[in-house]
Amino acid sequence: MDEFAEQVIARIRAARRALGEAAGSPDSFAVQETLDELEDALRCARDGGVEVPPVGGDDEAMRG
């Protein structure tokens, strides 16, 4: 995997985590902001031809 793909996937993982944390918050602005970041990161991946690992199905947990 090249450096660009690694950076995009790291950005997606971070956005997914942030969205999960924001989802438990009563602050709807925080949810919208993190959702916007995730959508932007996914768009970047799509435009760059980066295959995105599914939620909960990536190898991040295996790094332990």
C-alpha atoms as a PDB file:
ATOM      1  CA  MET A   1       0.000   0.000   0.000  1.00  0.00           C
ATOM      2  CA  ASP A   2       1.414   3.382  -0.927  1.00  0.00           C
ATOM      3  CA  GLU A   3       1.783   6.342   1.414  1.00  0.00           C
ATOM      4  CA  PHE A   4      -1.261   8.172   0.023  1.00  0.00           C
ATOM      5  CA  ALA A   5      -3.516   5.163   0.605  1.00  0.00           C
ATOM      6  CA  GLU A   6      -2.182   4.702   4.135  1.00  0.00           C
ATOM      7  CA  GLN A   7      -2.850   8.349   4.959  1.00  0.00           C
ATOM      8  CA  VAL A   8      -6.369   8.244   3.538  1.00  0.00           C
ATOM      9  CA  ILE A   9      -7.225   5.055   5.423  1.00  0.00           C
ATOM     10  CA  ALA A  10      -5.797   6.498   8.645  1.00  0.00           C
ATOM     11  CA  ARG A  11      -7.955   9.584   8.118  1.00  0.00           C
ATOM     12  CA  ILE A  12     -11.040   7.417   7.583  1.00  0.00           C
ATOM     13  CA  ARG A  13     -10.333   5.360  10.706  1.00  0.00           C
ATOM     14  CA  ALA A  14      -9.876   8.524  12.777  1.00  0.00           C
ATOM     15  CA  ALA A  15     -13.101   9.995  11.399  1.00  0.00           C
ATOM     16  CA  ARG A  16     -14.992   6.771  12.147  1.00  0.00           C
ATOM     17  CA  ARG A  17     -13.735   6.801  15.741  1.00  0.00           C
ATOM     18  CA  ALA A  18     -14.608  10.481  16.154  1.00  0.00           C
ATOM     19  CA  LEU A  19     -18.088   9.908  14.745  1.00  0.00           C
ATOM     20  CA  GLY A  20     -18.642   7.025  17.155  1.00  0.00           C
ATOM     21  CA  GLU A  21     -17.628   9.236  20.061  1.00  0.00           C
ATOM     22  CA  ALA A  22     -19.740  12.162  18.861  1.00  0.00           C
ATOM     23  CA  ALA A  23     -22.776   9.935  18.352  1.00  0.00           C
ATOM     24  CA  GLY A  24     -23.062   9.551  22.119  1.00  0.00           C
ATOM     25  CA  SER A  25     -23.061  13.301  22.581  1.00  0.00           C
ATOM     26  CA  PRO A  26     -26.122  15.523  22.713  1.00  0.00           C
ATOM     27  CA  ASP A  27     -24.216  18.027  20.541  1.00  0.00           C
ATOM     28  CA  SER A  28     -25.652  17.634  17.051  1.00  0.00           C
ATOM     29  CA  PHE A  29     -23.035  20.035  15.656  1.00  0.00           C
ATOM     30  CA  ALA A  30     -20.253  17.656  16.718  1.00  0.00           C
ATOM     31  CA  VAL A  31     -22.015  14.774  14.976  1.00  0.00           C
ATOM     32  CA  GLN A  32     -22.477  16.788  11.783  1.00  0.00           C
ATOM     33  CA  GLU A  33     -18.863  17.982  11.840  1.00  0.00           C
ATOM     34  CA  THR A  34     -17.439  14.484  12.232  1.00  0.00           C
ATOM     35  CA  LEU A  35     -19.833  13.089   9.635  1.00  0.00           C
ATOM     36  CA  ASP A  36     -18.656  15.763   7.193  1.00  0.00           C
ATOM     37  CA  GLU A  37     -15.030  14.765   7.843  1.00  0.00           C
ATOM     38  CA  LEU A  38     -15.815  11.088   7.263  1.00  0.00           C
ATOM     39  CA  GLU A  39     -17.661  11.837   4.034  1.00  0.00           C
ATOM     40  CA  ASP A  40     -14.776  13.987   2.819  1.00  0.00           C
ATOM     41  CA  ALA A  41     -12.230  11.282   3.655  1.00  0.00           C
ATOM     42  CA  LEU A  42     -14.319   8.643   1.875  1.00  0.00           C
ATOM     43  CA  ARG A  43     -14.640  10.901  -1.173  1.00  0.00           C
ATOM     44  CA  CYS A  44     -10.876  11.366  -1.187  1.00  0.00           C
ATOM     45  CA  ALA A  45     -10.416   7.593  -1.084  1.00  0.00           C
ATOM     46  CA  ARG A  46     -12.884   7.039  -3.911  1.00  0.00           C
ATOM     47  CA  ASP A  47     -11.305   9.751  -6.064  1.00  0.00           C
ATOM     48  CA  GLY A  48      -7.839   8.326  -5.392  1.00  0.00           C
ATOM     49  CA  GLY A  49      -8.827   4.727  -6.085  1.00  0.00           C
ATOM     50  CA  VAL A  50      -8.159   3.626  -2.500  1.00  0.00           C
ATOM     51  CA  GLU A  51     -10.028   0.531  -1.326  1.00  0.00           C
ATOM     52  CA  VAL A  52     -11.583   1.306   2.046  1.00  0.00           C
ATOM     53  CA  PRO A  53     -11.748  -1.457   4.664  1.00  0.00           C
ATOM     54  CA  PRO A  54     -15.249  -2.111   6.037  1.00  0.00           C
ATOM     55  CA  VAL A  55     -16.208  -0.827   9.462  1.00  0.00           C
ATOM     56  CA  GLY A  56     -14.942  -3.296  12.037  1.00  0.00           C
ATOM     57  CA  GLY A  57     -13.428  -5.480   9.337  1.00  0.00           C
ATOM     58  CA  ASP A  58     -10.048  -3.867   8.885  1.00  0.00           C
ATOM     59  CA  ASP A  59      -6.709  -5.007  10.223  1.00  0.00           C
ATOM     60  CA  GLU A  60      -6.368  -2.219  12.822  1.00  0.00           C
ATOM     61  CA  ALA A  61      -7.407  -4.532  15.675  1.00  0.00           C
ATOM     62  CA  MET A  62      -4.780  -7.083  14.619  1.00  0.00           C
ATOM     63  CA  ARG A  63      -1.969  -4.598  15.228  1.00  0.00           C
ATOM     64  CA  GLY A  64      -2.801  -4.750  18.925  1.00  0.00           C
END
